[in-house]
Amino acid sequence: MIYGVDVFSFHDVLEICKAPNKAKLNKAAKDQILKSQKNVQKIVDSDRCVYGINTGFGPLCDTKISADETAQLQYNLIISHAVGVGKPIDKELSKIMIIAKVHALSKGFSGVSLEVIERMILMLEKDIIPVVPEQGSVGASGDLAPLSHLVLPLLGLGKVWVGNEIFETTEVLEKNDLKPLTLGPKEGLGLINGTQFILAHAIKGLEKFEYLLDLADMTAAMSLEAYRGSASPFKKELHEIRPFEGSKKVAARMLKFLKGSENMKAHEDCERVQDPYSMRCVPQVHGASRNAFEHLKMMAETELNSVTDNPIVLSAEESISGGNFHGQLMALPLDYATLAAAELGNISDRRSYLLLEGKYGLPRLLTESSGLNSGFMIPQYTSAALVTENKTLCFPASADSIPTSLGQEDHVSMGSISGRKFNQVLGNLVNILSVELMFAAQGLEFRRPSKCSKIIEENYAILRSKVAKLEDDRLIGEDMLAIAELINERKFVVN
């Protein structure tokens, strides 16, 4: 993969995180970078006043800066904007930010030098990863605060991850025989204008969301087996006359998961007319969430392969001061995806509740000795709490805007908050699905000797390898954590 030349997918970025040597700069990319750097220098040498190159920033855009003050201007920009607060983001998110930033800068419209870009790649390869606080970005002019923290180590400042430990940058640079860099014209602005913090959260969230969408389908199928519900709502003919891609895909997957099930055959001659919505409408609800995933994926990969700083240097004669740094294009789909992820948890909790009711051959609370034992009463409380927490996280951050920079930046996206909330909801969804999986596996115990489909039996065995059938009350909180670990490690077969 070639920075600045190839079109990256979000999966490509995650692969580069694991193996930084998979991406490099070739001659074409280097030529693009060097040409842009020369264009900036020509502007500096001219008498023209160009924002961000020989002027101040934000409301100080009408203040001319001399050529002699350029280096100090760039240094001051970085240190004055590194005002993030809160806990550090995950190291992997910082790595994604570096990859996305290098890819954007390498397209040759930002004026950032080859030396700076190569230093960022070197840090990635040596696993010297900047520590970036989680709060402080309003998502326009891009992610100024977190990106400033991301590039502080280029100047010998801030802190970095090495392995799983955090060190002062100065200590790590000395150990690796690296000297701090001096930034040239526009380099500071090119480094910290952009949406790479928002984008990193979108990419990391997409990776998790993709698996959880698949897992939610399988989990629903396991619950349907335990409930002995009907597979007829998943027939192809039904979804061809309302042909949303997400619902068509989910319906086909549900039929695949239930194929060959003896529990489905047992339902064929019963007197039940139809199942509750949380069983019957899985294609429509899960499918809507899949549509949201596809939308976010499209938007994130467009952003990943874009230039998002300001100004954009087209040539030595033309630079454009625009708004490519504005995060609204990512904030809206992130908020949409957050709602979509939350709905997977919402309907999962309803299926869990149905399995506890004691209907259609299942004992109340999924235990044969209720009264003395609480059975699975209380895990559903946890599920309900997490579902409501997710609902509170669904308020769209993009609906808010607080003017900054003395009104120069009078509409901002708050997309960084959208990205963080998206990942919080996904984290809660893991635990919600762990509850449903635990209930579904217990429900299957009361359907024996009937066999499930092959893939459901396989997943039942995976779950039972960590969590035994519940006979009497025990520390089932530990069981929930064990199932959540199986989810996070992607042990369940979902395709």
Protein backbone atom coordinates (compact mmCIF):
# COMPACT_ATOMS: atom_id res chain seq x y z
CA MET A 1 0.00 0.00 0.00
CA ILE A 2 1.32 3.43 -0.96
CA TYR A 3 0.59 6.49 1.19
CA GLY A 4 -0.99 9.32 -0.76
CA VAL A 5 -1.37 7.25 -3.94
CA ASP A 6 -3.49 4.17 -3.24
CA VAL A 7 -7.10 4.28 -2.13
CA PHE A 8 -7.22 2.91 1.42
CA SER A 9 -10.15 1.03 2.95
CA PHE A 10 -10.77 1.09 6.68
CA HIS A 11 -9.58 -2.52 6.78
CA ASP A 12 -6.29 -1.40 5.17
CA VAL A 13 -5.72 1.06 7.99
CA LEU A 14 -6.29 -1.63 10.60
CA GLU A 15 -3.82 -3.90 8.78
CA ILE A 16 -1.20 -1.14 8.75
CA CYS A 17 -1.74 -0.72 12.50
CA LYS A 18 -0.71 -4.34 12.98
CA ALA A 19 2.13 -4.23 10.43
CA PRO A 20 3.31 -0.65 9.71
CA ASN A 21 5.71 -1.85 7.01
CA LYS A 22 2.72 -2.75 4.82
CA ALA A 23 2.47 0.92 3.81
CA LYS A 24 5.25 3.11 2.42
CA LEU A 25 6.03 6.16 0.34
CA ASN A 26 7.06 5.56 -3.26
CA LYS A 27 8.65 7.98 -5.71
CA ALA A 28 5.29 9.31 -6.92
CA ALA A 29 4.17 10.08 -3.37
CA LYS A 30 7.50 11.72 -2.50
CA ASP A 31 7.35 13.84 -5.65
CA GLN A 32 3.86 15.03 -4.66
CA ILE A 33 5.09 15.98 -1.19
CA LEU A 34 8.22 17.78 -2.42
CA LYS A 35 6.29 19.71 -5.05
CA SER A 36 3.80 20.96 -2.47
CA GLN A 37 6.59 21.94 -0.10
CA LYS A 38 8.28 23.95 -2.86
CA ASN A 39 5.01 25.71 -3.67
CA VAL A 40 4.70 26.86 -0.07
CA GLN A 41 8.27 28.15 -0.06
CA LYS A 42 7.59 30.14 -3.23
CA ILE A 43 4.60 31.76 -1.52
CA VAL A 44 6.76 32.63 1.49
CA ASP A 45 9.37 34.20 -0.80
CA SER A 46 6.72 36.30 -2.54
CA ASP A 47 5.02 39.40 -1.17
CA ARG A 48 1.55 37.85 -1.23
CA CYS A 49 -0.39 37.46 2.01
CA VAL A 50 -1.68 33.86 2.27
CA TYR A 51 -3.58 32.55 5.27
CA GLY A 52 -1.65 30.11 7.44
CA ILE A 53 1.58 30.49 5.51
CA ASN A 54 2.60 34.05 6.37
CA THR A 55 -0.34 35.13 8.58
CA GLY A 56 -1.63 34.34 12.03
CA PHE A 57 -4.43 31.85 12.60
CA GLY A 58 -8.16 32.02 13.26
CA PRO A 59 -9.15 35.56 14.24
CA LEU A 60 -5.51 36.61 13.72
CA CYS A 61 -5.69 35.77 10.02
CA ASP A 62 -5.14 39.42 9.08
CA THR A 63 -1.83 39.66 11.00
CA LYS A 64 1.19 39.33 8.67
CA ILE A 65 4.13 37.23 9.90
CA SER A 66 7.67 37.79 8.64
CA ALA A 67 9.74 35.00 7.10
CA ASP A 68 12.10 35.13 10.07
CA GLU A 69 9.24 34.38 12.46
CA THR A 70 7.87 31.39 10.52
CA ALA A 71 9.49 28.63 12.60
CA GLN A 72 8.42 30.25 15.86
CA LEU A 73 4.88 30.68 14.52
CA GLN A 74 4.59 26.95 13.76
CA TYR A 75 6.03 25.97 17.14
CA ASN A 76 3.71 28.35 18.98
CA LEU A 77 0.74 26.99 17.05
CA ILE A 78 1.36 23.42 18.20
CA ILE A 79 2.06 24.15 21.85
CA SER A 80 -0.83 26.61 22.22
CA HIS A 81 -3.33 24.17 20.71
CA ALA A 82 -2.27 21.10 22.74
CA VAL A 83 -4.95 21.66 25.38
CA GLY A 84 -6.75 18.30 25.41
CA VAL A 85 -7.98 16.84 28.68
CA GLY A 86 -9.25 13.51 29.97
CA LYS A 87 -7.83 10.03 29.74
CA PRO A 88 -5.56 9.06 26.85
CA ILE A 89 -7.32 7.44 23.92
CA ASP A 90 -6.35 3.84 23.18
CA LYS A 91 -2.91 3.48 21.65
CA GLU A 92 -4.48 1.88 18.57
CA LEU A 93 -6.59 5.01 17.99
CA SER A 94 -3.42 7.13 18.07
CA LYS A 95 -1.85 4.79 15.49
CA ILE A 96 -4.90 5.11 13.24
CA MET A 97 -4.63 8.90 13.54
CA ILE A 98 -1.00 8.80 12.39
CA ILE A 99 -1.78 6.54 9.43
CA ALA A 100 -4.72 8.68 8.33
CA LYS A 101 -2.74 11.91 8.73
CA VAL A 102 0.27 10.60 6.77
CA HIS A 103 -2.03 9.38 4.00
CA ALA A 104 -3.72 12.78 3.72
CA LEU A 105 -0.48 14.80 3.85
CA SER A 106 1.13 12.56 1.23
CA LYS A 107 -1.39 13.62 -1.40
CA GLY A 108 0.68 16.79 -1.84
CA PHE A 109 -1.73 19.63 -1.12
CA SER A 110 -0.62 20.50 2.41
CA GLY A 111 2.94 21.78 2.11
CA VAL A 112 4.26 19.53 4.87
CA SER A 113 7.84 18.43 4.27
CA LEU A 114 9.00 14.95 3.38
CA GLU A 115 11.19 14.97 6.50
CA VAL A 116 8.20 15.47 8.80
CA ILE A 117 6.10 12.82 7.08
CA GLU A 118 8.95 10.31 7.13
CA ARG A 119 9.46 10.97 10.85
CA MET A 120 5.79 10.14 11.49
CA ILE A 121 6.14 6.89 9.54
CA LEU A 122 9.34 6.06 11.43
CA MET A 123 7.63 6.60 14.77
CA LEU A 124 4.84 4.27 13.68
CA GLU A 125 7.35 1.60 12.61
CA LYS A 126 9.33 1.93 15.84
CA ASP A 127 6.13 1.79 17.92
CA ILE A 128 6.69 5.27 19.36
CA ILE A 129 3.08 6.39 19.51
CA PRO A 130 1.92 9.81 20.79
CA VAL A 131 -0.35 10.00 23.82
CA VAL A 132 -3.53 11.87 22.89
CA PRO A 133 -6.17 13.00 25.44
CA GLU A 134 -9.76 12.05 24.64
CA GLN A 135 -11.47 15.43 25.12
CA GLY A 136 -11.05 18.93 23.73
CA SER A 137 -11.97 18.82 20.05
CA VAL A 138 -15.06 20.59 18.68
CA GLY A 139 -14.55 19.03 15.25
CA ALA A 140 -13.75 22.26 13.33
CA SER A 141 -11.19 23.58 12.41
CA GLY A 142 -10.80 19.87 12.47
CA ASP A 143 -9.49 18.11 15.58
CA LEU A 144 -7.09 20.85 16.61
CA ALA A 145 -6.36 19.82 20.20
CA PRO A 146 -5.93 16.05 19.73
CA LEU A 147 -3.90 16.52 16.54
CA SER A 148 -1.64 18.97 18.37
CA HIS A 149 -0.96 16.30 20.99
CA LEU A 150 -0.37 13.80 18.17
CA VAL A 151 2.43 15.92 16.70
CA LEU A 152 4.01 17.24 19.92
CA PRO A 153 6.58 14.40 19.82
CA LEU A 154 7.87 15.71 16.48
CA LEU A 155 9.02 18.75 18.45
CA GLY A 156 10.43 16.64 21.28
CA LEU A 157 7.46 17.46 23.51
CA GLY A 158 4.59 15.54 25.11
CA LYS A 159 4.43 11.87 25.95
CA VAL A 160 4.50 8.66 23.91
CA TRP A 161 3.50 5.04 24.21
CA VAL A 162 6.30 2.49 23.90
CA GLY A 163 4.74 -0.94 24.21
CA ASN A 164 2.12 -0.61 26.92
CA GLU A 165 3.95 2.05 28.93
CA ILE A 166 3.98 5.85 28.68
CA PHE A 167 7.25 7.81 28.64
CA GLU A 168 8.35 11.41 28.19
CA THR A 169 9.12 12.03 24.52
CA THR A 170 12.57 13.47 25.22
CA GLU A 171 13.66 10.24 26.91
CA VAL A 172 12.45 8.08 24.02
CA LEU A 173 13.97 10.28 21.29
CA GLU A 174 17.36 10.21 22.97
CA LYS A 175 17.19 6.43 23.32
CA ASN A 176 16.47 6.12 19.58
CA ASP A 177 19.08 8.76 18.56
CA LEU A 178 16.40 11.05 17.12
CA LYS A 179 16.41 14.83 17.31
CA PRO A 180 13.34 17.09 17.55
CA LEU A 181 12.30 18.64 14.25
CA THR A 182 11.93 22.30 13.36
CA LEU A 183 8.76 22.99 11.41
CA GLY A 184 8.78 25.09 8.27
CA PRO A 185 6.09 27.35 6.77
CA LYS A 186 2.52 26.02 7.07
CA GLU A 187 3.68 22.70 8.50
CA GLY A 188 2.14 23.25 11.91
CA LEU A 189 -1.21 24.17 10.37
CA GLY A 190 -1.08 21.24 7.95
CA LEU A 191 -0.40 18.86 10.82
CA ILE A 192 -3.20 19.95 13.15
CA ASN A 193 -5.95 20.91 10.70
CA GLY A 194 -7.94 17.81 9.79
CA THR A 195 -10.43 15.25 11.04
CA GLN A 196 -8.15 12.35 11.94
CA PHE A 197 -9.37 12.07 15.55
CA ILE A 198 -12.99 11.77 14.40
CA LEU A 199 -11.94 9.44 11.59
CA ALA A 200 -9.92 7.17 13.90
CA HIS A 201 -12.96 6.65 16.11
CA ALA A 202 -15.09 5.92 13.05
CA ILE A 203 -12.60 3.34 11.74
CA LYS A 204 -12.20 1.60 15.10
CA GLY A 205 -15.97 1.65 15.59
CA LEU A 206 -16.59 0.23 12.12
CA GLU A 207 -14.32 -2.72 12.88
CA LYS A 208 -16.28 -3.58 16.03
CA PHE A 209 -19.70 -2.75 14.58
CA GLU A 210 -19.11 -5.04 11.61
CA TYR A 211 -18.58 -8.05 13.87
CA LEU A 212 -21.37 -7.15 16.29
CA LEU A 213 -23.87 -6.87 13.44
CA ASP A 214 -23.00 -10.42 12.42
CA LEU A 215 -23.02 -11.62 16.04
CA ALA A 216 -26.42 -10.02 16.68
CA ASP A 217 -27.93 -12.03 13.80
CA MET A 218 -26.48 -15.29 15.12
CA THR A 219 -27.57 -14.46 18.67
CA ALA A 220 -31.12 -13.74 17.49
CA ALA A 221 -31.16 -17.09 15.70
CA MET A 222 -30.03 -18.88 18.88
CA SER A 223 -32.77 -17.12 20.84
CA LEU A 224 -35.33 -18.08 18.20
CA GLU A 225 -34.20 -21.71 18.51
CA ALA A 226 -34.66 -21.54 22.29
CA TYR A 227 -38.03 -19.82 21.94
CA ARG A 228 -39.08 -22.23 19.18
CA GLY A 229 -40.25 -19.32 17.11
CA SER A 230 -41.03 -19.31 13.42
CA ALA A 231 -38.58 -18.93 10.54
CA SER A 232 -41.25 -17.92 8.05
CA PRO A 233 -40.71 -14.14 8.54
CA PHE A 234 -37.27 -14.61 6.99
CA LYS A 235 -38.45 -16.05 3.68
CA LYS A 236 -36.90 -14.46 0.62
CA GLU A 237 -40.25 -13.64 -0.99
CA LEU A 238 -41.21 -11.33 1.87
CA HIS A 239 -38.07 -9.24 1.58
CA GLU A 240 -38.01 -9.04 -2.19
CA ILE A 241 -41.14 -6.87 -2.07
CA ARG A 242 -39.50 -4.46 0.39
CA PRO A 243 -35.97 -4.72 -0.92
CA PHE A 244 -33.75 -2.86 1.52
CA GLU A 245 -30.24 -4.29 1.28
CA GLY A 246 -29.79 -4.60 5.04
CA SER A 247 -33.02 -6.46 5.68
CA LYS A 248 -32.51 -8.77 2.70
CA LYS A 249 -29.07 -9.70 3.98
CA VAL A 250 -30.26 -10.33 7.54
CA ALA A 251 -33.22 -12.44 6.39
CA ALA A 252 -30.91 -14.63 4.31
CA ARG A 253 -28.51 -14.98 7.21
CA MET A 254 -31.30 -15.98 9.60
CA LEU A 255 -32.42 -18.73 7.23
CA LYS A 256 -28.84 -19.94 6.97
CA PHE A 257 -28.46 -20.02 10.77
CA LEU A 258 -31.71 -21.95 11.22
CA LYS A 259 -31.28 -24.44 8.37
CA GLY A 260 -31.69 -28.03 9.53
CA SER A 261 -32.98 -27.08 12.97
CA GLU A 262 -35.20 -29.63 14.72
CA ASN A 263 -36.60 -26.81 16.84
CA MET A 264 -37.96 -25.10 13.75
CA LYS A 265 -39.64 -28.35 12.69
CA ALA A 266 -41.22 -28.71 16.12
CA HIS A 267 -42.86 -25.31 15.64
CA GLU A 268 -44.51 -26.17 12.32
CA ASP A 269 -47.68 -27.78 13.75
CA CYS A 270 -48.14 -25.64 16.86
CA GLU A 271 -51.09 -23.28 17.43
CA ARG A 272 -49.05 -20.08 17.68
CA VAL A 273 -49.91 -17.59 14.94
CA GLN A 274 -46.94 -15.22 15.10
CA ASP A 275 -44.00 -14.24 17.29
CA PRO A 276 -43.42 -10.91 19.05
CA TYR A 277 -41.64 -8.24 17.01
CA SER A 278 -38.22 -8.79 18.60
CA MET A 279 -38.23 -12.28 17.07
CA ARG A 280 -40.27 -11.63 13.94
CA CYS A 281 -38.77 -8.29 12.86
CA VAL A 282 -35.08 -9.15 13.16
CA PRO A 283 -34.47 -8.49 9.43
CA GLN A 284 -36.12 -5.08 9.54
CA VAL A 285 -34.40 -3.90 12.76
CA HIS A 286 -30.97 -5.48 12.30
CA GLY A 287 -31.21 -4.61 8.60
CA ALA A 288 -31.73 -0.93 9.35
CA SER A 289 -28.60 -1.00 11.49
CA ARG A 290 -26.70 -2.65 8.64
CA ASN A 291 -27.79 0.15 6.32
CA ALA A 292 -26.35 2.65 8.81
CA PHE A 293 -23.09 0.68 8.93
CA GLU A 294 -22.79 0.82 5.15
CA HIS A 295 -23.43 4.57 5.17
CA LEU A 296 -20.75 5.21 7.79
CA LYS A 297 -18.31 2.94 5.95
CA MET A 298 -18.81 4.88 2.71
CA MET A 299 -18.39 8.25 4.42
CA ALA A 300 -15.37 7.18 6.49
CA GLU A 301 -13.53 5.75 3.50
CA THR A 302 -14.22 8.92 1.51
CA GLU A 303 -12.80 10.94 4.40
CA LEU A 304 -9.83 8.61 4.76
CA ASN A 305 -8.80 9.27 1.15
CA SER A 306 -9.38 13.03 1.32
CA VAL A 307 -7.31 16.12 2.10
CA THR A 308 -8.82 17.77 5.16
CA ASP A 309 -6.47 20.57 6.21
CA ASN A 310 -6.50 24.27 5.35
CA PRO A 311 -5.46 26.14 3.30
CA ILE A 312 -5.10 23.76 0.33
CA VAL A 313 -2.05 24.59 -1.79
CA LEU A 314 -2.82 23.88 -5.44
CA SER A 315 0.26 25.60 -6.87
CA ALA A 316 2.76 28.37 -6.14
CA GLU A 317 0.18 30.79 -7.50
CA GLU A 318 -3.02 29.41 -5.96
CA SER A 319 -4.02 28.33 -2.48
CA ILE A 320 -7.59 28.07 -1.24
CA SER A 321 -8.73 28.84 2.27
CA GLY A 322 -11.83 26.68 2.62
CA GLY A 323 -13.52 24.33 5.04
CA ASN A 324 -12.33 20.81 4.26
CA PHE A 325 -11.47 20.42 7.96
CA HIS A 326 -15.11 20.70 9.04
CA GLY A 327 -16.22 17.48 10.75
CA GLN A 328 -19.93 17.65 9.94
CA LEU A 329 -19.56 15.18 7.08
CA MET A 330 -18.44 12.57 9.62
CA ALA A 331 -20.41 13.74 12.66
CA LEU A 332 -23.83 13.09 11.13
CA PRO A 333 -23.14 9.49 9.96
CA LEU A 334 -21.44 8.74 13.30
CA ASP A 335 -24.53 9.88 15.18
CA TYR A 336 -26.67 7.77 12.85
CA ALA A 337 -24.44 4.74 13.44
CA THR A 338 -24.58 5.30 17.20
CA LEU A 339 -28.38 5.08 17.08
CA ALA A 340 -28.15 1.99 14.87
CA ALA A 341 -25.79 0.24 17.30
CA ALA A 342 -28.00 1.15 20.25
CA GLU A 343 -31.03 -0.38 18.53
CA LEU A 344 -29.22 -3.72 18.25
CA GLY A 345 -29.01 -3.68 22.03
CA ASN A 346 -32.58 -2.51 22.45
CA ILE A 347 -34.09 -5.41 20.51
CA SER A 348 -31.62 -7.89 22.05
CA ASP A 349 -32.85 -6.98 25.52
CA ARG A 350 -36.46 -7.63 24.42
CA ARG A 351 -35.52 -11.09 23.18
CA SER A 352 -33.79 -11.78 26.50
CA TYR A 353 -36.94 -10.76 28.33
CA LEU A 354 -39.10 -13.09 26.21
CA LEU A 355 -36.90 -16.04 27.16
CA LEU A 356 -37.54 -15.34 30.86
CA GLU A 357 -41.33 -15.24 30.72
CA GLY A 358 -41.87 -18.96 31.11
CA LYS A 359 -43.82 -19.52 27.91
CA TYR A 360 -43.89 -22.29 25.30
CA GLY A 361 -42.09 -24.91 27.35
CA LEU A 362 -39.44 -22.72 28.93
CA PRO A 363 -39.46 -22.37 32.76
CA ARG A 364 -39.81 -18.93 34.32
CA LEU A 365 -36.45 -17.17 34.68
CA LEU A 366 -34.94 -20.16 32.83
CA THR A 367 -34.58 -22.18 36.01
CA GLU A 368 -36.54 -25.21 37.23
CA SER A 369 -36.08 -24.27 40.86
CA SER A 370 -37.16 -20.62 40.99
CA GLY A 371 -38.06 -19.24 44.37
CA LEU A 372 -35.07 -20.64 46.16
CA ASN A 373 -33.07 -19.53 43.12
CA SER A 374 -33.35 -16.22 41.26
CA GLY A 375 -32.14 -17.86 38.08
CA PHE A 376 -31.57 -15.34 35.30
CA MET A 377 -33.77 -12.59 36.72
CA ILE A 378 -31.03 -10.08 37.45
CA PRO A 379 -28.80 -10.22 34.35
CA GLN A 380 -31.72 -8.73 32.45
CA TYR A 381 -31.55 -5.77 34.87
CA THR A 382 -27.97 -5.21 33.70
CA SER A 383 -29.06 -5.47 30.10
CA ALA A 384 -31.88 -2.99 30.68
CA ALA A 385 -29.50 -0.55 32.39
CA LEU A 386 -27.04 -0.71 29.50
CA VAL A 387 -29.82 -0.24 26.95
CA THR A 388 -30.98 2.91 28.73
CA GLU A 389 -27.40 4.16 29.04
CA ASN A 390 -27.06 3.71 25.29
CA LYS A 391 -30.28 5.64 24.74
CA THR A 392 -28.83 8.59 26.65
CA LEU A 393 -25.73 8.39 24.44
CA CYS A 394 -27.87 8.62 21.30
CA PHE A 395 -28.45 12.37 21.58
CA PRO A 396 -26.67 13.62 18.44
CA ALA A 397 -23.57 15.63 19.25
CA SER A 398 -23.82 17.05 15.73
CA ALA A 399 -27.03 18.81 16.72
CA ASP A 400 -24.99 21.20 18.86
CA SER A 401 -22.59 23.97 17.92
CA ILE A 402 -20.82 26.50 20.14
CA PRO A 403 -18.94 29.30 18.35
CA THR A 404 -15.17 29.41 18.96
CA SER A 405 -12.17 31.50 17.90
CA LEU A 406 -13.88 34.83 18.61
CA GLY A 407 -16.65 33.92 16.19
CA GLN A 408 -14.38 33.13 13.25
CA GLU A 409 -15.30 29.48 13.76
CA ASP A 410 -18.98 30.12 14.36
CA HIS A 411 -20.32 26.67 13.45
CA VAL A 412 -18.55 23.52 14.62
CA SER A 413 -19.45 19.84 14.24
CA MET A 414 -18.72 18.31 17.67
CA GLY A 415 -17.90 15.19 15.64
CA SER A 416 -15.21 14.08 18.08
CA ILE A 417 -17.95 13.55 20.67
CA SER A 418 -20.00 11.65 18.09
CA GLY A 419 -17.06 9.30 17.53
CA ARG A 420 -16.43 8.72 21.21
CA LYS A 421 -20.10 8.04 21.95
CA PHE A 422 -20.30 5.58 19.07
CA ASN A 423 -17.55 3.48 20.60
CA GLN A 424 -19.09 3.69 24.08
CA VAL A 425 -22.38 2.34 22.73
CA LEU A 426 -20.56 -0.51 20.99
CA GLY A 427 -18.81 -1.39 24.25
CA ASN A 428 -22.17 -1.59 26.03
CA LEU A 429 -23.61 -3.64 23.17
CA VAL A 430 -21.02 -6.35 23.78
CA ASN A 431 -22.36 -6.86 27.31
CA ILE A 432 -26.01 -6.71 26.22
CA LEU A 433 -25.43 -9.44 23.64
CA SER A 434 -23.53 -11.50 26.23
CA VAL A 435 -26.71 -11.58 28.35
CA GLU A 436 -28.85 -12.72 25.43
CA LEU A 437 -26.34 -15.40 24.46
CA MET A 438 -26.32 -16.70 28.04
CA PHE A 439 -30.12 -16.85 28.13
CA ALA A 440 -30.39 -18.45 24.68
CA ALA A 441 -27.91 -21.19 25.58
CA GLN A 442 -29.82 -21.90 28.79
CA GLY A 443 -33.10 -22.00 26.87
CA LEU A 444 -31.68 -24.63 24.52
CA GLU A 445 -31.13 -26.91 27.52
CA PHE A 446 -34.90 -27.26 27.81
CA ARG A 447 -35.31 -28.17 24.13
CA ARG A 448 -33.15 -31.27 24.27
CA PRO A 449 -32.95 -33.79 22.75
CA SER A 450 -33.95 -31.64 19.76
CA LYS A 451 -30.92 -30.45 17.85
CA CYS A 452 -30.30 -26.94 16.58
CA SER A 453 -28.78 -26.09 13.24
CA LYS A 454 -25.13 -27.00 12.81
CA ILE A 455 -23.84 -23.43 13.25
CA ILE A 456 -25.97 -22.77 16.33
CA GLU A 457 -24.77 -26.03 17.90
CA GLU A 458 -21.20 -24.95 17.18
CA ASN A 459 -21.71 -21.61 18.92
CA TYR A 460 -23.54 -23.29 21.79
CA ALA A 461 -20.45 -25.49 22.30
CA ILE A 462 -18.15 -22.45 22.21
CA LEU A 463 -20.23 -20.75 24.90
CA ARG A 464 -20.43 -23.90 27.02
CA SER A 465 -16.64 -24.24 26.88
CA LYS A 466 -16.54 -21.23 29.21
CA VAL A 467 -19.95 -21.18 30.89
CA ALA A 468 -21.81 -24.23 32.24
CA LYS A 469 -25.58 -24.69 32.35
CA LEU A 470 -27.12 -22.95 35.35
CA GLU A 471 -28.58 -25.42 37.83
CA ASP A 472 -28.57 -23.36 41.04
CA ASP A 473 -27.63 -19.74 41.70
CA ARG A 474 -23.94 -18.94 41.34
CA LEU A 475 -21.80 -15.94 40.41
CA ILE A 476 -23.34 -15.55 36.97
CA GLY A 477 -21.78 -12.09 36.68
CA GLU A 478 -18.55 -13.95 36.01
CA ASP A 479 -20.32 -15.96 33.31
CA MET A 480 -21.41 -12.73 31.61
CA LEU A 481 -17.83 -11.45 31.64
CA ALA A 482 -16.57 -14.74 30.20
CA ILE A 483 -19.07 -14.50 27.31
CA ALA A 484 -18.14 -10.85 26.72
CA GLU A 485 -14.51 -11.96 26.48
CA LEU A 486 -15.48 -14.55 23.86
CA ILE A 487 -17.18 -11.76 21.92
CA ASN A 488 -14.23 -9.39 22.18
CA GLU A 489 -11.89 -12.16 21.06
CA ARG A 490 -14.27 -12.99 18.17
CA LYS A 491 -14.56 -16.64 19.09
CA PHE A 492 -18.16 -17.04 17.94
CA VAL A 493 -18.81 -18.26 14.40
CA VAL A 494 -20.96 -15.59 12.75
CA ASN A 495 -20.79 -16.42 9.02
